């Protein structure tokens, strides 16, 4: 039985681990071949470890294990030329492109350092990186191609200090995700006559390295000097209307799969939350 993405090729950024790896594997399960890129090195302002070459190799292994083809390359989404080179390698091997998943993202939190590059680096990755991925991929998309952007519920909350992603050290992340909302709508309008659709998925807290690090733990439990995962899980759970601390990457991947498939052929310009009801519970942002 053919999969829902049989014969399609997807270009996925941030594919070495976390949501990106999950998207690559879930799409491969449904017949998709993958062009996977990730930086595989550290960005100085980002305090938690980013992906490694070994992480990207593991994504490659898991996709191949499913019987699908994959071209995996190290590339920095801040450098459009690197993305273009990686994509060209993928097109040479796989022949065409049907889906762009602009997923790469970081959440630097250089708390209290006015000289930190955290705002600049977050915007360069989380906003410009998305635009770079779309910029290199869009000319290769056919009619009924699909672009899926990873946003965040943080970008849908008011720009106040009660929004964890708009406070000191994380404003670049929250601002970038906010701008992506309008970007998706405007780009969707521009490419609609070619039946190319553009949508964004907006996760709440997701069980990845971006969530599980000391900087973010301290935002949710400022009352503790060195909060642990066990310390923050009650706070994470309070953040959602459904009583869970976070969603899993595959919960996002299932929506990405739908938006990449022909089942969503007339859905475009949408900003879709996967948030366990967090914005229903706190439409104006969580209490400060």
C-alpha atoms as a PDB file:
ATOM      1  CA  UNK A   1       0.000   0.000   0.000  1.00  0.00           C
ATOM      2  CA  UNK A   2       1.430   3.374  -1.035  1.00  0.00           C
ATOM      3  CA  UNK A   3       2.233   5.890   1.676  1.00  0.00           C
ATOM      4  CA  UNK A   4       0.706   9.337   1.924  1.00  0.00           C
ATOM      5  CA  UNK A   5       3.934  10.937   0.616  1.00  0.00           C
ATOM      6  CA  UNK A   6       4.915   8.254  -1.877  1.00  0.00           C
ATOM      7  CA  UNK A   7       7.181   9.680  -4.586  1.00  0.00           C
ATOM      8  CA  UNK A   8       7.723  13.009  -2.812  1.00  0.00           C
ATOM      9  CA  UNK A   9      10.992  14.604  -1.685  1.00  0.00           C
ATOM     10  CA  UNK A  10      11.228  16.893   1.364  1.00  0.00           C
ATOM     11  CA  UNK A  11      13.952  19.406   2.256  1.00  0.00           C
ATOM     12  CA  UNK A  12      14.156  19.618   6.064  1.00  0.00           C
ATOM     13  CA  UNK A  13      16.316  22.012   8.089  1.00  0.00           C
ATOM     14  CA  UNK A  14      17.338  21.251  11.656  1.00  0.00           C
ATOM     15  CA  UNK A  15      17.013  17.553  10.824  1.00  0.00           C
ATOM     16  CA  UNK A  16      19.760  16.106  13.012  1.00  0.00           C
ATOM     17  CA  UNK A  17      17.599  15.631  16.104  1.00  0.00           C
ATOM     18  CA  UNK A  18      14.455  16.790  17.909  1.00  0.00           C
ATOM     19  CA  UNK A  19      11.488  17.846  15.813  1.00  0.00           C
ATOM     20  CA  UNK A  20      13.521  17.831  12.607  1.00  0.00           C
ATOM     21  CA  UNK A  21      14.574  14.212  12.954  1.00  0.00           C
ATOM     22  CA  UNK A  22      11.054  13.260  13.932  1.00  0.00           C
ATOM     23  CA  UNK A  23       9.686  14.957  10.792  1.00  0.00           C
ATOM     24  CA  UNK A  24      12.220  13.184   8.585  1.00  0.00           C
ATOM     25  CA  UNK A  25      11.432   9.774  10.031  1.00  0.00           C
ATOM     26  CA  UNK A  26       7.654  10.243  10.079  1.00  0.00           C
ATOM     27  CA  UNK A  27       7.626  11.461   6.473  1.00  0.00           C
ATOM     28  CA  UNK A  28       9.904   8.608   5.407  1.00  0.00           C
ATOM     29  CA  UNK A  29       7.455   6.178   6.992  1.00  0.00           C
ATOM     30  CA  UNK A  30       4.899   7.487   4.484  1.00  0.00           C
ATOM     31  CA  UNK A  31       7.136   7.080   1.430  1.00  0.00           C
ATOM     32  CA  UNK A  32       9.037  10.391   1.322  1.00  0.00           C
ATOM     33  CA  UNK A  33      12.706  10.759   0.433  1.00  0.00           C
ATOM     34  CA  UNK A  34      14.611  13.336   2.460  1.00  0.00           C
ATOM     35  CA  UNK A  35      17.172  16.104   1.989  1.00  0.00           C
ATOM     36  CA  UNK A  36      18.315  16.710   5.569  1.00  0.00           C
ATOM     37  CA  UNK A  37      20.481  19.595   6.782  1.00  0.00           C
ATOM     38  CA  UNK A  38      21.716  20.762  10.173  1.00  0.00           C
ATOM     39  CA  UNK A  39      24.506  22.968  11.461  1.00  0.00           C
ATOM     40  CA  UNK A  40      26.163  20.195  13.539  1.00  0.00           C
ATOM     41  CA  UNK A  41      28.260  22.640  15.534  1.00  0.00           C
ATOM     42  CA  UNK A  42      27.800  25.163  18.309  1.00  0.00           C
ATOM     43  CA  UNK A  43      26.598  28.770  18.068  1.00  0.00           C
ATOM     44  CA  UNK A  44      28.420  30.663  20.815  1.00  0.00           C
ATOM     45  CA  UNK A  45      25.442  32.561  22.228  1.00  0.00           C
ATOM     46  CA  UNK A  46      23.366  29.392  22.554  1.00  0.00           C
ATOM     47  CA  UNK A  47      24.051  27.896  25.996  1.00  0.00           C
ATOM     48  CA  UNK A  48      22.760  24.367  25.447  1.00  0.00           C
ATOM     49  CA  UNK A  49      24.530  21.917  23.083  1.00  0.00           C
ATOM     50  CA  UNK A  50      23.393  21.974  19.470  1.00  0.00           C
ATOM     51  CA  UNK A  51      23.478  19.007  17.116  1.00  0.00           C
ATOM     52  CA  UNK A  52      26.560  17.012  16.166  1.00  0.00           C
ATOM     53  CA  UNK A  53      27.615  15.196  12.986  1.00  0.00           C
ATOM     54  CA  UNK A  54      26.763  11.987  14.837  1.00  0.00           C
ATOM     55  CA  UNK A  55      23.199  13.221  15.377  1.00  0.00           C
ATOM     56  CA  UNK A  56      22.776  13.869  11.650  1.00  0.00           C
ATOM     57  CA  UNK A  57      24.227  10.452  10.854  1.00  0.00           C
ATOM     58  CA  UNK A  58      21.645   8.902  13.159  1.00  0.00           C
ATOM     59  CA  UNK A  59      18.822  10.654  11.300  1.00  0.00           C
ATOM     60  CA  UNK A  60      20.313   9.331   8.058  1.00  0.00           C
ATOM     61  CA  UNK A  61      20.454   5.815   9.487  1.00  0.00           C
ATOM     62  CA  UNK A  62      16.845   5.869  10.679  1.00  0.00           C
ATOM     63  CA  UNK A  63      15.518   7.073   7.322  1.00  0.00           C
ATOM     64  CA  UNK A  64      17.525   4.472   5.400  1.00  0.00           C
ATOM     65  CA  UNK A  65      16.307   1.788   7.779  1.00  0.00           C
ATOM     66  CA  UNK A  66      12.801   2.576   6.516  1.00  0.00           C
ATOM     67  CA  UNK A  67      13.916   1.895   2.954  1.00  0.00           C
ATOM     68  CA  UNK A  68      13.887   5.539   1.875  1.00  0.00           C
ATOM     69  CA  UNK A  69      16.642   7.599   0.290  1.00  0.00           C
ATOM     70  CA  UNK A  70      18.262  10.501   2.122  1.00  0.00           C
ATOM     71  CA  UNK A  71      20.922  13.091   1.357  1.00  0.00           C
ATOM     72  CA  UNK A  72      22.260  14.533   4.620  1.00  0.00           C
ATOM     73  CA  UNK A  73      24.523  17.585   4.685  1.00  0.00           C
ATOM     74  CA  UNK A  74      25.943  19.931   7.306  1.00  0.00           C
ATOM     75  CA  UNK A  75      24.767  23.465   6.556  1.00  0.00           C
ATOM     76  CA  UNK A  76      24.119  26.657   8.508  1.00  0.00           C
ATOM     77  CA  UNK A  77      20.670  28.118   7.774  1.00  0.00           C
ATOM     78  CA  UNK A  78      22.134  31.590   8.333  1.00  0.00           C
ATOM     79  CA  UNK A  79      24.201  31.086   5.157  1.00  0.00           C
ATOM     80  CA  UNK A  80      21.963  30.855   2.097  1.00  0.00           C
ATOM     81  CA  UNK A  81      24.850  29.613  -0.060  1.00  0.00           C
ATOM     82  CA  UNK A  82      25.355  26.619   2.245  1.00  0.00           C
ATOM     83  CA  UNK A  83      21.676  25.721   2.029  1.00  0.00           C
ATOM     84  CA  UNK A  84      21.706  26.097  -1.751  1.00  0.00           C
ATOM     85  CA  UNK A  85      24.703  23.764  -2.026  1.00  0.00           C
ATOM     86  CA  UNK A  86      23.083  21.135   0.203  1.00  0.00           C
ATOM     87  CA  UNK A  87      19.834  21.340  -1.735  1.00  0.00           C
ATOM     88  CA  UNK A  88      21.624  20.994  -5.061  1.00  0.00           C
ATOM     89  CA  UNK A  89      23.324  17.828  -3.793  1.00  0.00           C
ATOM     90  CA  UNK A  90      19.923  16.485  -2.840  1.00  0.00           C
ATOM     91  CA  UNK A  91      18.357  17.369  -6.167  1.00  0.00           C
ATOM     92  CA  UNK A  92      21.224  15.689  -8.015  1.00  0.00           C
ATOM     93  CA  UNK A  93      20.562  12.420  -6.175  1.00  0.00           C
ATOM     94  CA  UNK A  94      16.800  12.567  -5.711  1.00  0.00           C
ATOM     95  CA  UNK A  95      15.732  14.472  -8.812  1.00  0.00           C
ATOM     96  CA  UNK A  96      13.100  16.893  -7.592  1.00  0.00           C
ATOM     97  CA  UNK A  97      11.572  18.685  -4.611  1.00  0.00           C
ATOM     98  CA  UNK A  98       7.992  18.718  -3.331  1.00  0.00           C
ATOM     99  CA  UNK A  99       8.114  19.916   0.277  1.00  0.00           C
ATOM    100  CA  UNK A 100      10.127  22.433   2.300  1.00  0.00           C
ATOM    101  CA  UNK A 101      10.092  22.030   6.085  1.00  0.00           C
ATOM    102  CA  UNK A 102      11.816  25.132   7.514  1.00  0.00           C
ATOM    103  CA  UNK A 103      12.293  23.805  11.015  1.00  0.00           C
ATOM    104  CA  UNK A 104      15.741  24.817  12.325  1.00  0.00           C
ATOM    105  CA  UNK A 105      15.582  26.945  15.465  1.00  0.00           C
ATOM    106  CA  UNK A 106      17.480  27.960  18.582  1.00  0.00           C
ATOM    107  CA  UNK A 107      16.528  29.594  21.874  1.00  0.00           C
ATOM    108  CA  UNK A 108      19.580  31.427  23.232  1.00  0.00           C
ATOM    109  CA  UNK A 109      19.200  32.779  26.737  1.00  0.00           C
ATOM    110  CA  UNK A 110      22.199  34.943  27.640  1.00  0.00           C
ATOM    111  CA  UNK A 111      20.577  36.303  30.738  1.00  0.00           C
ATOM    112  CA  UNK A 112      21.683  39.806  31.713  1.00  0.00           C
ATOM    113  CA  UNK A 113      24.607  40.152  29.294  1.00  0.00           C
ATOM    114  CA  UNK A 114      24.084  43.328  27.204  1.00  0.00           C
ATOM    115  CA  UNK A 115      26.951  42.341  24.888  1.00  0.00           C
ATOM    116  CA  UNK A 116      25.601  38.907  24.044  1.00  0.00           C
ATOM    117  CA  UNK A 117      24.671  38.062  20.463  1.00  0.00           C
ATOM    118  CA  UNK A 118      21.643  36.065  21.612  1.00  0.00           C
ATOM    119  CA  UNK A 119      19.047  38.351  19.973  1.00  0.00           C
ATOM    120  CA  UNK A 120      20.968  38.604  16.698  1.00  0.00           C
ATOM    121  CA  UNK A 121      21.716  34.876  16.512  1.00  0.00           C
ATOM    122  CA  UNK A 122      18.153  33.868  17.349  1.00  0.00           C
ATOM    123  CA  UNK A 123      16.736  36.122  14.632  1.00  0.00           C
ATOM    124  CA  UNK A 124      19.339  34.948  12.126  1.00  0.00           C
ATOM    125  CA  UNK A 125      18.423  31.291  12.716  1.00  0.00           C
ATOM    126  CA  UNK A 126      14.725  31.409  13.611  1.00  0.00           C
ATOM    127  CA  UNK A 127      13.592  34.024  11.090  1.00  0.00           C
ATOM    128  CA  UNK A 128      16.271  34.571   8.444  1.00  0.00           C
ATOM    129  CA  UNK A 129      17.033  30.842   8.433  1.00  0.00           C
ATOM    130  CA  UNK A 130      13.417  30.119   7.515  1.00  0.00           C
ATOM    131  CA  UNK A 131      13.525  32.701   4.732  1.00  0.00           C
ATOM    132  CA  UNK A 132      16.797  31.261   3.447  1.00  0.00           C
ATOM    133  CA  UNK A 133      15.383  27.734   3.312  1.00  0.00           C
ATOM    134  CA  UNK A 134      12.319  28.979   1.451  1.00  0.00           C
ATOM    135  CA  UNK A 135      14.482  31.145  -0.804  1.00  0.00           C
ATOM    136  CA  UNK A 136      16.584  28.256  -2.063  1.00  0.00           C
ATOM    137  CA  UNK A 137      13.756  25.737  -2.222  1.00  0.00           C
ATOM    138  CA  UNK A 138      10.840  27.686  -3.665  1.00  0.00           C
ATOM    139  CA  UNK A 139      12.158  27.855  -7.273  1.00  0.00           C
ATOM    140  CA  UNK A 140      12.183  24.031  -7.317  1.00  0.00           C
ATOM    141  CA  UNK A 141       8.655  23.440  -6.013  1.00  0.00           C
ATOM    142  CA  UNK A 142       6.023  22.236  -8.481  1.00  0.00           C
ATOM    143  CA  UNK A 143       2.352  23.068  -8.455  1.00  0.00           C
ATOM    144  CA  UNK A 144       0.741  21.732  -5.273  1.00  0.00           C
ATOM    145  CA  UNK A 145       4.097  21.898  -3.513  1.00  0.00           C
ATOM    146  CA  UNK A 146       4.078  22.573   0.215  1.00  0.00           C
ATOM    147  CA  UNK A 147       6.051  24.810   2.569  1.00  0.00           C
ATOM    148  CA  UNK A 148       5.786  24.117   6.306  1.00  0.00           C
ATOM    149  CA  UNK A 149       7.347  26.540   8.805  1.00  0.00           C
ATOM    150  CA  UNK A 150       8.008  25.809  12.471  1.00  0.00           C
ATOM    151  CA  UNK A 151       6.710  28.651  14.633  1.00  0.00           C
ATOM    152  CA  UNK A 152       5.862  28.626  18.333  1.00  0.00           C
ATOM    153  CA  UNK A 153       2.933  29.458  20.560  1.00  0.00           C
ATOM    154  CA  UNK A 154       5.355  31.983  22.100  1.00  0.00           C
ATOM    155  CA  UNK A 155       4.893  34.072  18.966  1.00  0.00           C
ATOM    156  CA  UNK A 156       1.134  34.098  19.479  1.00  0.00           C
ATOM    157  CA  UNK A 157       1.252  35.480  23.005  1.00  0.00           C
ATOM    158  CA  UNK A 158       1.352  39.190  23.809  1.00  0.00           C
ATOM    159  CA  UNK A 159       4.721  40.876  23.891  1.00  0.00           C
ATOM    160  CA  UNK A 160       4.863  41.157  27.676  1.00  0.00           C
ATOM    161  CA  UNK A 161       7.196  40.044  30.440  1.00  0.00           C
ATOM    162  CA  UNK A 162       4.756  37.239  31.318  1.00  0.00           C
ATOM    163  CA  UNK A 163       5.587  35.585  27.991  1.00  0.00           C
ATOM    164  CA  UNK A 164       8.588  33.322  28.764  1.00  0.00           C
ATOM    165  CA  UNK A 165       9.936  33.790  25.221  1.00  0.00           C
ATOM    166  CA  UNK A 166       9.871  37.594  25.309  1.00  0.00           C
ATOM    167  CA  UNK A 167      11.869  38.175  28.458  1.00  0.00           C
ATOM    168  CA  UNK A 168      15.588  38.864  28.927  1.00  0.00           C
ATOM    169  CA  UNK A 169      17.794  36.601  26.836  1.00  0.00           C
ATOM    170  CA  UNK A 170      15.001  35.098  24.749  1.00  0.00           C
ATOM    171  CA  UNK A 171      13.365  38.039  22.979  1.00  0.00           C
ATOM    172  CA  UNK A 172      14.982  37.184  19.638  1.00  0.00           C
ATOM    173  CA  UNK A 173      13.202  33.848  19.618  1.00  0.00           C
ATOM    174  CA  UNK A 174       9.784  35.236  20.521  1.00  0.00           C
ATOM    175  CA  UNK A 175      10.029  38.160  18.087  1.00  0.00           C
ATOM    176  CA  UNK A 176      11.106  35.880  15.230  1.00  0.00           C
ATOM    177  CA  UNK A 177       8.220  33.491  15.807  1.00  0.00           C
ATOM    178  CA  UNK A 178       5.812  36.442  15.913  1.00  0.00           C
ATOM    179  CA  UNK A 179       7.037  37.744  12.521  1.00  0.00           C
ATOM    180  CA  UNK A 180       6.706  34.266  10.995  1.00  0.00           C
ATOM    181  CA  UNK A 181       2.936  34.408  11.502  1.00  0.00           C
ATOM    182  CA  UNK A 182       2.545  37.225   8.996  1.00  0.00           C
ATOM    183  CA  UNK A 183       5.301  35.852   6.773  1.00  0.00           C
ATOM    184  CA  UNK A 184       3.331  32.652   6.261  1.00  0.00           C
ATOM    185  CA  UNK A 185       0.185  34.573   5.373  1.00  0.00           C
ATOM    186  CA  UNK A 186       1.902  36.938   2.949  1.00  0.00           C
ATOM    187  CA  UNK A 187       4.012  34.268   1.255  1.00  0.00           C
ATOM    188  CA  UNK A 188       0.962  32.033   0.939  1.00  0.00           C
ATOM    189  CA  UNK A 189      -0.821  34.814  -0.903  1.00  0.00           C
ATOM    190  CA  UNK A 190       2.105  35.383  -3.261  1.00  0.00           C
ATOM    191  CA  UNK A 191       2.415  31.759  -4.385  1.00  0.00           C
ATOM    192  CA  UNK A 192      -1.254  30.775  -4.315  1.00  0.00           C
ATOM    193  CA  UNK A 193      -1.728  31.095  -8.078  1.00  0.00           C
ATOM    194  CA  UNK A 194       0.810  28.265  -8.489  1.00  0.00           C
ATOM    195  CA  UNK A 195      -1.139  26.149  -5.969  1.00  0.00           C
ATOM    196  CA  UNK A 196       1.834  26.186  -3.621  1.00  0.00           C
ATOM    197  CA  UNK A 197       0.653  26.284  -0.048  1.00  0.00           C
ATOM    198  CA  UNK A 198       2.416  27.790   2.949  1.00  0.00           C
ATOM    199  CA  UNK A 199       1.512  26.952   6.532  1.00  0.00           C
ATOM    200  CA  UNK A 200       3.064  27.134   9.985  1.00  0.00           C
ATOM    201  CA  UNK A 201       2.846  24.779  12.937  1.00  0.00           C
ATOM    202  CA  UNK A 202       3.092  26.374  16.372  1.00  0.00           C
ATOM    203  CA  UNK A 203       4.070  23.957  19.156  1.00  0.00           C
ATOM    204  CA  UNK A 204       3.797  24.538  22.853  1.00  0.00           C
ATOM    205  CA  UNK A 205       6.612  23.148  25.017  1.00  0.00           C
ATOM    206  CA  UNK A 206       8.031  20.172  23.154  1.00  0.00           C
ATOM    207  CA  UNK A 207      10.192  17.368  24.508  1.00  0.00           C
ATOM    208  CA  UNK A 208      13.484  18.373  22.844  1.00  0.00           C
ATOM    209  CA  UNK A 209      16.844  19.875  23.782  1.00  0.00           C
ATOM    210  CA  UNK A 210      15.429  23.370  23.229  1.00  0.00           C
ATOM    211  CA  UNK A 211      13.142  22.824  26.218  1.00  0.00           C
ATOM    212  CA  UNK A 212      15.354  20.680  28.413  1.00  0.00           C
ATOM    213  CA  UNK A 213      18.223  22.942  29.376  1.00  0.00           C
ATOM    214  CA  UNK A 214      19.263  24.920  32.421  1.00  0.00           C
ATOM    215  CA  UNK A 215      18.425  28.328  30.963  1.00  0.00           C
ATOM    216  CA  UNK A 216      14.792  27.529  30.260  1.00  0.00           C
ATOM    217  CA  UNK A 217      14.405  25.631  33.523  1.00  0.00           C
ATOM    218  CA  UNK A 218      15.430  28.814  35.331  1.00  0.00           C
ATOM    219  CA  UNK A 219      12.775  30.840  33.472  1.00  0.00           C
ATOM    220  CA  UNK A 220      10.029  28.503  34.658  1.00  0.00           C
ATOM    221  CA  UNK A 221      11.431  28.131  38.197  1.00  0.00           C
ATOM    222  CA  UNK A 222      13.175  31.422  39.049  1.00  0.00           C
ATOM    223  CA  UNK A 223      12.648  30.615  42.730  1.00  0.00           C
ATOM    224  CA  UNK A 224      15.254  27.840  42.576  1.00  0.00           C
ATOM    225  CA  UNK A 225      18.993  28.262  42.084  1.00  0.00           C
ATOM    226  CA  UNK A 226      19.550  25.124  39.991  1.00  0.00           C
ATOM    227  CA  UNK A 227      16.176  23.664  39.012  1.00  0.00           C
ATOM    228  CA  UNK A 228      16.046  20.118  37.671  1.00  0.00           C
ATOM    229  CA  UNK A 229      13.688  18.531  35.172  1.00  0.00           C
ATOM    230  CA  UNK A 230      11.644  17.186  38.065  1.00  0.00           C
ATOM    231  CA  UNK A 231      11.414  20.689  39.515  1.00  0.00           C
ATOM    232  CA  UNK A 232      10.067  22.262  36.318  1.00  0.00           C
ATOM    233  CA  UNK A 233       7.611  19.611  35.154  1.00  0.00           C
ATOM    234  CA  UNK A 234       4.788  20.891  37.431  1.00  0.00           C
ATOM    235  CA  UNK A 235       5.330  24.393  36.010  1.00  0.00           C
ATOM    236  CA  UNK A 236       5.358  23.012  32.462  1.00  0.00           C
ATOM    237  CA  UNK A 237       2.093  21.188  33.189  1.00  0.00           C
ATOM    238  CA  UNK A 238       0.467  24.336  34.586  1.00  0.00           C
ATOM    239  CA  UNK A 239       1.221  26.036  31.260  1.00  0.00           C
ATOM    240  CA  UNK A 240      -1.147  23.722  29.312  1.00  0.00           C
ATOM    241  CA  UNK A 241      -4.909  23.328  29.630  1.00  0.00           C
ATOM    242  CA  UNK A 242      -4.480  19.600  29.101  1.00  0.00           C
ATOM    243  CA  UNK A 243      -2.548  18.246  32.099  1.00  0.00           C
ATOM    244  CA  UNK A 244       0.703  17.366  30.348  1.00  0.00           C
ATOM    245  CA  UNK A 245       4.152  18.980  30.773  1.00  0.00           C
ATOM    246  CA  UNK A 246       4.948  18.992  27.047  1.00  0.00           C
ATOM    247  CA  UNK A 247       4.083  17.428  23.730  1.00  0.00           C
ATOM    248  CA  UNK A 248       6.290  14.968  21.842  1.00  0.00           C
ATOM    249  CA  UNK A 249       8.029  15.744  18.538  1.00  0.00           C
ATOM    250  CA  UNK A 250       5.860  13.206  16.725  1.00  0.00           C
ATOM    251  CA  UNK A 251       2.775  15.211  17.706  1.00  0.00           C
ATOM    252  CA  UNK A 252       4.136  17.971  15.476  1.00  0.00           C
ATOM    253  CA  UNK A 253       5.354  15.538  12.833  1.00  0.00           C
ATOM    254  CA  UNK A 254       1.861  14.180  12.300  1.00  0.00           C
ATOM    255  CA  UNK A 255       0.626  17.670  11.441  1.00  0.00           C
ATOM    256  CA  UNK A 256       3.661  18.344   9.227  1.00  0.00           C
ATOM    257  CA  UNK A 257       2.901  15.090   7.417  1.00  0.00           C
ATOM    258  CA  UNK A 258      -0.674  16.188   6.757  1.00  0.00           C
ATOM    259  CA  UNK A 259       0.388  19.630   5.539  1.00  0.00           C
ATOM    260  CA  UNK A 260       2.991  18.030   3.250  1.00  0.00           C
ATOM    261  CA  UNK A 261       0.477  15.584   1.764  1.00  0.00           C
ATOM    262  CA  UNK A 262      -2.087  16.084  -0.960  1.00  0.00           C
ATOM    263  CA  UNK A 263      -4.754  15.829   1.734  1.00  0.00           C
ATOM    264  CA  UNK A 264      -4.095  19.505   2.520  1.00  0.00           C
ATOM    265  CA  UNK A 265      -3.951  20.704  -1.092  1.00  0.00           C
ATOM    266  CA  UNK A 266      -6.237  23.711  -0.488  1.00  0.00           C
ATOM    267  CA  UNK A 267      -5.033  24.633   3.003  1.00  0.00           C
ATOM    268  CA  UNK A 268      -2.700  27.625   2.947  1.00  0.00           C
ATOM    269  CA  UNK A 269      -1.752  30.679   4.975  1.00  0.00           C
ATOM    270  CA  UNK A 270      -2.662  28.920   8.204  1.00  0.00           C
ATOM    271  CA  UNK A 271      -0.981  29.219  11.605  1.00  0.00           C
ATOM    272  CA  UNK A 272      -1.952  26.042  13.415  1.00  0.00           C
ATOM    273  CA  UNK A 273      -1.341  25.502  17.128  1.00  0.00           C
ATOM    274  CA  UNK A 274      -0.397  22.163  18.633  1.00  0.00           C
ATOM    275  CA  UNK A 275      -0.478  23.427  22.181  1.00  0.00           C
ATOM    276  CA  UNK A 276      -2.584  21.164  24.411  1.00  0.00           C
ATOM    277  CA  UNK A 277      -4.840  24.172  24.948  1.00  0.00           C
ATOM    278  CA  UNK A 278      -2.171  26.507  26.350  1.00  0.00           C
ATOM    279  CA  UNK A 279      -3.524  29.553  24.505  1.00  0.00           C
ATOM    280  CA  UNK A 280      -7.066  28.640  25.534  1.00  0.00           C
ATOM    281  CA  UNK A 281      -5.933  28.677  29.136  1.00  0.00           C
ATOM    282  CA  UNK A 282      -3.767  31.792  28.822  1.00  0.00           C
ATOM    283  CA  UNK A 283      -4.930  33.838  25.808  1.00  0.00           C
ATOM    284  CA  UNK A 284      -3.109  36.891  27.203  1.00  0.00           C
ATOM    285  CA  UNK A 285      -0.027  34.966  28.236  1.00  0.00           C
ATOM    286  CA  UNK A 286       0.720  33.152  31.495  1.00  0.00           C
ATOM    287  CA  UNK A 287       0.546  35.078  34.750  1.00  0.00           C
ATOM    288  CA  UNK A 288       3.784  36.838  35.659  1.00  0.00           C
END
